[in-house]
Amino acid sequence: ENFTAQRAASHLDTNGAKLREIESCESGLSYRLPVQKCMPCADGHVYVESSEQCLCEGGRWMDSKSDTCVRCTPGRYTDAPGAYSCKACPSDTYQPEAGQQRCVPCPTDAQCVPSKGTGVR
């Protein structure tokens, strides 16, 4: 099946005049206003049908200043698309790599480094 999302429904200018009609995009494409066309999601983004938009994929967060998706640093993670910040690894877990969607449990014979979540000792 080819899902079609409705995009850019009748934008109005400051005088209330209609600028354009509804634009339809195929599934996996997002309507981009600046270029006024359907485009695939950028690198580091994933198309989310429930919101009908491209969001940062898990393991990344949206930097609103630069409008880019940034990988979470070691010891932090995001487990779902669309995050605006990364979460710190919970106690008894760690994550030594950047850009991850979850933390891993500490080995039973080791102890996670407190507050950093980046390694074991």
N, C-alpha and C. Protein backbone atom coordinates (compact mmCIF):
# COMPACT_ATOMS: atom_id res chain seq x y z
N GLU A 1 0.83 -1.18 0.00
CA GLU A 1 0.00 0.00 0.00
C GLU A 1 0.87 1.24 0.00
N ASN A 2 0.41 2.24 -0.68
CA ASN A 2 1.13 3.49 -0.74
C ASN A 2 0.37 4.55 0.06
N PHE A 3 0.79 4.79 1.29
CA PHE A 3 0.17 5.76 2.17
C PHE A 3 0.47 7.16 1.66
N THR A 4 -0.53 8.03 1.62
CA THR A 4 -0.33 9.42 1.21
C THR A 4 -0.66 10.34 2.37
N ALA A 5 0.27 11.20 2.74
CA ALA A 5 0.07 12.16 3.82
C ALA A 5 -0.30 13.52 3.24
N GLN A 6 -1.21 14.20 3.88
CA GLN A 6 -1.58 15.55 3.45
C GLN A 6 -0.59 16.54 4.04
N ARG A 7 -0.15 17.47 3.25
CA ARG A 7 0.87 18.42 3.66
C ARG A 7 0.49 19.85 3.27
N ALA A 8 0.95 20.81 4.05
CA ALA A 8 0.87 22.23 3.73
C ALA A 8 -0.52 22.68 3.33
N ALA A 9 -1.49 22.41 4.16
CA ALA A 9 -2.87 22.74 3.86
C ALA A 9 -3.07 24.25 3.79
N SER A 10 -3.37 24.74 2.63
CA SER A 10 -3.77 26.12 2.36
C SER A 10 -3.13 27.17 3.26
N HIS A 11 -1.88 27.46 3.03
CA HIS A 11 -1.21 28.51 3.78
C HIS A 11 -1.75 29.86 3.34
N LEU A 12 -1.88 30.79 4.29
CA LEU A 12 -2.40 32.12 3.99
C LEU A 12 -1.31 33.16 4.17
N ASP A 13 -1.33 34.19 3.33
CA ASP A 13 -0.38 35.28 3.54
C ASP A 13 -0.94 36.25 4.57
N THR A 14 -0.26 37.36 4.84
CA THR A 14 -0.69 38.30 5.87
C THR A 14 -2.02 38.98 5.55
N ASN A 15 -2.43 39.02 4.28
CA ASN A 15 -3.72 39.60 3.90
C ASN A 15 -4.82 38.55 3.84
N GLY A 16 -4.50 37.31 4.18
CA GLY A 16 -5.51 36.25 4.17
C GLY A 16 -5.70 35.60 2.81
N ALA A 17 -4.87 35.94 1.83
CA ALA A 17 -5.00 35.33 0.50
C ALA A 17 -4.38 33.93 0.51
N LYS A 18 -5.03 32.99 -0.16
CA LYS A 18 -4.52 31.62 -0.22
C LYS A 18 -3.25 31.57 -1.06
N LEU A 19 -2.19 30.96 -0.51
CA LEU A 19 -0.93 30.86 -1.23
C LEU A 19 -0.81 29.57 -2.03
N ARG A 20 -1.35 28.45 -1.49
CA ARG A 20 -1.22 27.20 -2.20
C ARG A 20 -2.27 26.21 -1.72
N GLU A 21 -2.51 25.21 -2.51
CA GLU A 21 -3.44 24.15 -2.16
C GLU A 21 -2.71 23.07 -1.37
N ILE A 22 -3.43 22.04 -0.98
CA ILE A 22 -2.83 20.93 -0.22
C ILE A 22 -1.85 20.17 -1.11
N GLU A 23 -0.71 19.87 -0.56
CA GLU A 23 0.32 19.07 -1.24
C GLU A 23 0.31 17.68 -0.62
N SER A 24 0.33 16.64 -1.44
CA SER A 24 0.36 15.27 -0.94
C SER A 24 1.75 14.69 -1.15
N CYS A 25 2.23 13.98 -0.11
CA CYS A 25 3.54 13.34 -0.20
C CYS A 25 3.35 11.84 -0.04
N GLU A 26 4.17 11.06 -0.74
CA GLU A 26 4.17 9.62 -0.55
C GLU A 26 4.74 9.30 0.82
N SER A 27 4.43 8.11 1.32
CA SER A 27 4.93 7.69 2.62
C SER A 27 6.45 7.75 2.65
N GLY A 28 7.00 8.26 3.76
CA GLY A 28 8.44 8.37 3.92
C GLY A 28 9.01 9.69 3.43
N LEU A 29 8.17 10.51 2.79
CA LEU A 29 8.61 11.82 2.33
C LEU A 29 7.95 12.89 3.20
N SER A 30 8.63 13.99 3.39
CA SER A 30 8.12 15.07 4.22
C SER A 30 8.06 16.34 3.38
N TYR A 31 6.97 17.11 3.53
CA TYR A 31 6.83 18.35 2.77
C TYR A 31 7.71 19.43 3.40
N ARG A 32 8.55 20.05 2.60
CA ARG A 32 9.46 21.09 3.08
C ARG A 32 9.00 22.44 2.55
N LEU A 33 8.56 23.32 3.45
CA LEU A 33 8.06 24.63 3.04
C LEU A 33 9.08 25.49 2.31
N PRO A 34 10.32 25.58 2.79
CA PRO A 34 11.23 26.49 2.07
C PRO A 34 11.36 26.17 0.58
N VAL A 35 11.40 24.88 0.24
CA VAL A 35 11.55 24.50 -1.17
C VAL A 35 10.23 24.10 -1.80
N GLN A 36 9.17 24.00 -0.99
CA GLN A 36 7.82 23.67 -1.42
C GLN A 36 7.75 22.41 -2.26
N LYS A 37 8.35 21.32 -1.73
CA LYS A 37 8.23 20.03 -2.40
C LYS A 37 8.44 18.91 -1.39
N CYS A 38 8.07 17.70 -1.78
CA CYS A 38 8.24 16.52 -0.95
C CYS A 38 9.67 16.01 -1.09
N MET A 39 10.29 15.71 0.06
CA MET A 39 11.68 15.26 0.04
C MET A 39 11.86 14.15 1.06
N PRO A 40 12.85 13.25 0.85
CA PRO A 40 13.12 12.23 1.86
C PRO A 40 13.73 12.88 3.11
N CYS A 41 13.67 12.18 4.20
CA CYS A 41 14.25 12.66 5.44
C CYS A 41 15.77 12.79 5.29
N ALA A 42 16.33 13.78 5.95
CA ALA A 42 17.78 14.00 5.94
C ALA A 42 18.48 12.92 6.76
N ASP A 43 19.80 12.78 6.59
CA ASP A 43 20.58 11.83 7.38
C ASP A 43 20.38 12.10 8.86
N GLY A 44 20.26 11.04 9.65
CA GLY A 44 20.06 11.17 11.09
C GLY A 44 18.61 11.35 11.48
N HIS A 45 17.72 11.42 10.48
CA HIS A 45 16.28 11.57 10.71
C HIS A 45 15.56 10.30 10.29
N VAL A 46 14.37 10.12 10.80
CA VAL A 46 13.52 9.01 10.42
C VAL A 46 12.09 9.54 10.26
N TYR A 47 11.37 9.02 9.26
CA TYR A 47 9.98 9.46 9.05
C TYR A 47 9.08 8.75 10.05
N VAL A 48 8.28 9.52 10.79
CA VAL A 48 7.36 8.97 11.79
C VAL A 48 5.94 9.21 11.29
N GLU A 49 5.24 8.12 10.91
CA GLU A 49 3.91 8.26 10.31
C GLU A 49 2.90 8.90 11.25
N SER A 50 2.99 8.61 12.55
CA SER A 50 2.00 9.15 13.49
C SER A 50 2.03 10.68 13.54
N SER A 51 3.20 11.27 13.32
CA SER A 51 3.30 12.74 13.30
C SER A 51 3.45 13.28 11.87
N GLU A 52 3.61 12.37 10.92
CA GLU A 52 3.78 12.72 9.50
C GLU A 52 4.92 13.72 9.29
N GLN A 53 6.05 13.46 9.95
CA GLN A 53 7.21 14.34 9.77
C GLN A 53 8.51 13.59 10.03
N CYS A 54 9.59 14.20 9.62
CA CYS A 54 10.91 13.63 9.86
C CYS A 54 11.40 14.11 11.23
N LEU A 55 11.82 13.17 12.06
CA LEU A 55 12.32 13.48 13.40
C LEU A 55 13.70 12.86 13.57
N CYS A 56 14.45 13.35 14.54
CA CYS A 56 15.75 12.74 14.82
C CYS A 56 15.54 11.30 15.24
N GLU A 57 16.36 10.40 14.70
CA GLU A 57 16.24 8.99 15.04
C GLU A 57 16.72 8.75 16.46
N GLY A 58 16.37 7.58 17.02
CA GLY A 58 16.85 7.22 18.35
C GLY A 58 18.36 7.29 18.42
N GLY A 59 18.89 7.71 19.57
CA GLY A 59 20.33 7.87 19.72
C GLY A 59 20.81 9.27 19.34
N ARG A 60 19.87 10.12 18.90
CA ARG A 60 20.19 11.50 18.51
C ARG A 60 19.17 12.45 19.12
N TRP A 61 19.55 13.72 19.23
CA TRP A 61 18.64 14.75 19.73
C TRP A 61 18.66 15.95 18.80
N MET A 62 17.56 16.72 18.80
CA MET A 62 17.44 17.87 17.91
C MET A 62 18.05 19.10 18.56
N ASP A 63 19.08 19.65 17.93
CA ASP A 63 19.67 20.91 18.35
C ASP A 63 18.89 22.01 17.63
N SER A 64 18.01 22.68 18.35
CA SER A 64 17.13 23.66 17.71
C SER A 64 17.89 24.89 17.21
N LYS A 65 19.07 25.17 17.76
CA LYS A 65 19.86 26.32 17.28
C LYS A 65 20.40 26.08 15.88
N SER A 66 20.87 24.85 15.61
CA SER A 66 21.43 24.55 14.30
C SER A 66 20.47 23.74 13.43
N ASP A 67 19.33 23.34 14.00
CA ASP A 67 18.32 22.54 13.29
C ASP A 67 18.92 21.25 12.72
N THR A 68 19.77 20.61 13.53
CA THR A 68 20.39 19.35 13.12
C THR A 68 20.21 18.30 14.22
N CYS A 69 20.36 17.05 13.83
CA CYS A 69 20.32 15.95 14.78
C CYS A 69 21.75 15.65 15.23
N VAL A 70 21.95 15.60 16.54
CA VAL A 70 23.27 15.41 17.12
C VAL A 70 23.29 14.08 17.88
N ARG A 71 24.36 13.31 17.71
CA ARG A 71 24.48 12.03 18.41
C ARG A 71 24.61 12.25 19.91
N CYS A 72 23.94 11.42 20.71
CA CYS A 72 24.10 11.47 22.16
C CYS A 72 25.54 11.10 22.50
N THR A 73 26.08 11.72 23.53
CA THR A 73 27.44 11.44 23.96
C THR A 73 27.47 10.15 24.79
N PRO A 74 28.65 9.52 24.93
CA PRO A 74 28.74 8.33 25.78
C PRO A 74 28.17 8.61 27.17
N GLY A 75 27.45 7.62 27.70
CA GLY A 75 26.81 7.77 29.01
C GLY A 75 25.40 8.34 28.92
N ARG A 76 24.95 8.64 27.70
CA ARG A 76 23.61 9.21 27.48
C ARG A 76 22.96 8.49 26.30
N TYR A 77 21.63 8.59 26.18
CA TYR A 77 20.90 7.88 25.13
C TYR A 77 19.55 8.54 24.88
N THR A 78 18.92 8.23 23.75
CA THR A 78 17.51 8.50 23.48
C THR A 78 16.93 7.22 22.94
N ASP A 79 15.78 6.84 23.42
CA ASP A 79 15.21 5.56 23.03
C ASP A 79 14.07 5.66 22.02
N ALA A 80 13.76 6.89 21.58
CA ALA A 80 12.68 7.07 20.61
C ALA A 80 12.99 8.27 19.72
N PRO A 81 12.41 8.31 18.53
CA PRO A 81 12.62 9.46 17.64
C PRO A 81 12.01 10.74 18.23
N GLY A 82 12.58 11.87 17.87
CA GLY A 82 12.00 13.16 18.23
C GLY A 82 12.48 13.77 19.53
N ALA A 83 13.56 13.28 20.10
CA ALA A 83 14.05 13.81 21.37
C ALA A 83 14.70 15.19 21.19
N TYR A 84 14.55 16.03 22.21
CA TYR A 84 15.21 17.33 22.22
C TYR A 84 16.37 17.36 23.22
N SER A 85 16.62 16.23 23.86
CA SER A 85 17.78 16.07 24.74
C SER A 85 18.01 14.58 24.95
N CYS A 86 19.19 14.23 25.42
CA CYS A 86 19.51 12.84 25.72
C CYS A 86 19.33 12.59 27.21
N LYS A 87 19.00 11.37 27.56
CA LYS A 87 18.84 10.98 28.96
C LYS A 87 20.15 10.38 29.45
N ALA A 88 20.45 10.60 30.75
CA ALA A 88 21.61 9.96 31.37
C ALA A 88 21.29 8.49 31.61
N CYS A 89 22.29 7.64 31.49
CA CYS A 89 22.08 6.22 31.78
C CYS A 89 21.65 6.05 33.24
N PRO A 90 20.65 5.20 33.48
CA PRO A 90 20.21 4.94 34.86
C PRO A 90 21.32 4.25 35.66
N SER A 91 21.18 4.25 36.97
CA SER A 91 22.17 3.57 37.81
C SER A 91 22.22 2.10 37.44
N ASP A 92 23.37 1.52 37.61
CA ASP A 92 23.63 0.12 37.28
C ASP A 92 23.61 -0.17 35.79
N THR A 93 23.72 0.87 34.95
CA THR A 93 23.85 0.70 33.50
C THR A 93 24.96 1.63 33.02
N TYR A 94 25.40 1.42 31.79
CA TYR A 94 26.41 2.30 31.18
C TYR A 94 26.28 2.25 29.67
N GLN A 95 26.91 3.20 29.00
CA GLN A 95 26.95 3.22 27.53
C GLN A 95 28.25 3.89 27.12
N PRO A 96 29.23 3.10 26.67
CA PRO A 96 30.53 3.67 26.30
C PRO A 96 30.57 4.31 24.91
N GLU A 97 29.53 4.12 24.11
CA GLU A 97 29.54 4.63 22.73
C GLU A 97 28.56 5.79 22.55
N ALA A 98 28.83 6.63 21.58
CA ALA A 98 27.94 7.75 21.24
C ALA A 98 26.82 7.27 20.32
N GLY A 99 25.70 7.99 20.33
CA GLY A 99 24.61 7.74 19.39
C GLY A 99 23.83 6.47 19.64
N GLN A 100 23.63 6.10 20.89
CA GLN A 100 22.96 4.84 21.21
C GLN A 100 21.52 5.05 21.70
N GLN A 101 20.70 3.99 21.53
CA GLN A 101 19.29 4.05 21.90
C GLN A 101 18.99 3.44 23.26
N ARG A 102 20.00 2.88 23.91
CA ARG A 102 19.79 2.32 25.25
C ARG A 102 21.15 2.15 25.93
N CYS A 103 21.07 1.98 27.24
CA CYS A 103 22.27 1.70 28.03
C CYS A 103 22.28 0.21 28.32
N VAL A 104 23.45 -0.31 28.62
CA VAL A 104 23.59 -1.74 28.88
C VAL A 104 23.81 -1.97 30.37
N PRO A 105 23.33 -3.10 30.89
CA PRO A 105 23.51 -3.39 32.32
C PRO A 105 24.99 -3.56 32.66
N CYS A 106 25.34 -3.15 33.86
CA CYS A 106 26.70 -3.36 34.35
C CYS A 106 26.92 -4.86 34.54
N PRO A 107 28.10 -5.36 34.22
CA PRO A 107 28.39 -6.77 34.49
C PRO A 107 28.29 -7.04 36.00
N THR A 108 27.92 -8.26 36.35
CA THR A 108 27.73 -8.59 37.77
C THR A 108 29.02 -8.48 38.57
N ASP A 109 30.16 -8.66 37.94
CA ASP A 109 31.43 -8.60 38.66
C ASP A 109 32.11 -7.23 38.56
N ALA A 110 31.35 -6.19 38.14
CA ALA A 110 31.91 -4.85 37.98
C ALA A 110 30.95 -3.82 38.56
N GLN A 111 31.42 -2.59 38.60
CA GLN A 111 30.61 -1.49 39.10
C GLN A 111 30.63 -0.37 38.07
N CYS A 112 29.46 0.19 37.77
CA CYS A 112 29.41 1.29 36.81
C CYS A 112 29.99 2.55 37.43
N VAL A 113 30.63 3.36 36.59
CA VAL A 113 31.19 4.62 37.06
C VAL A 113 30.03 5.56 37.38
N PRO A 114 29.90 5.98 38.66
CA PRO A 114 28.76 6.82 39.04
C PRO A 114 28.72 8.14 38.28
N SER A 115 27.55 8.61 37.98
CA SER A 115 27.22 9.89 37.35
C SER A 115 27.68 10.04 35.91
N LYS A 116 28.61 9.23 35.44
CA LYS A 116 29.05 9.34 34.05
C LYS A 116 28.36 8.32 33.17
N GLY A 117 28.17 7.10 33.65
CA GLY A 117 27.50 6.07 32.87
C GLY A 117 28.27 5.63 31.64
N THR A 118 29.58 5.92 31.59
CA THR A 118 30.35 5.63 30.38
C THR A 118 31.19 4.37 30.47
N GLY A 119 31.34 3.82 31.64
CA GLY A 119 32.18 2.63 31.73
C GLY A 119 32.01 1.88 33.04
N VAL A 120 32.80 0.84 33.20
CA VAL A 120 32.75 -0.01 34.39
C VAL A 120 34.13 -0.05 35.02
N ARG A 121 34.15 -0.45 36.30
CA ARG A 121 35.44 -0.64 36.97
C ARG A 121 35.36 -1.87 37.83
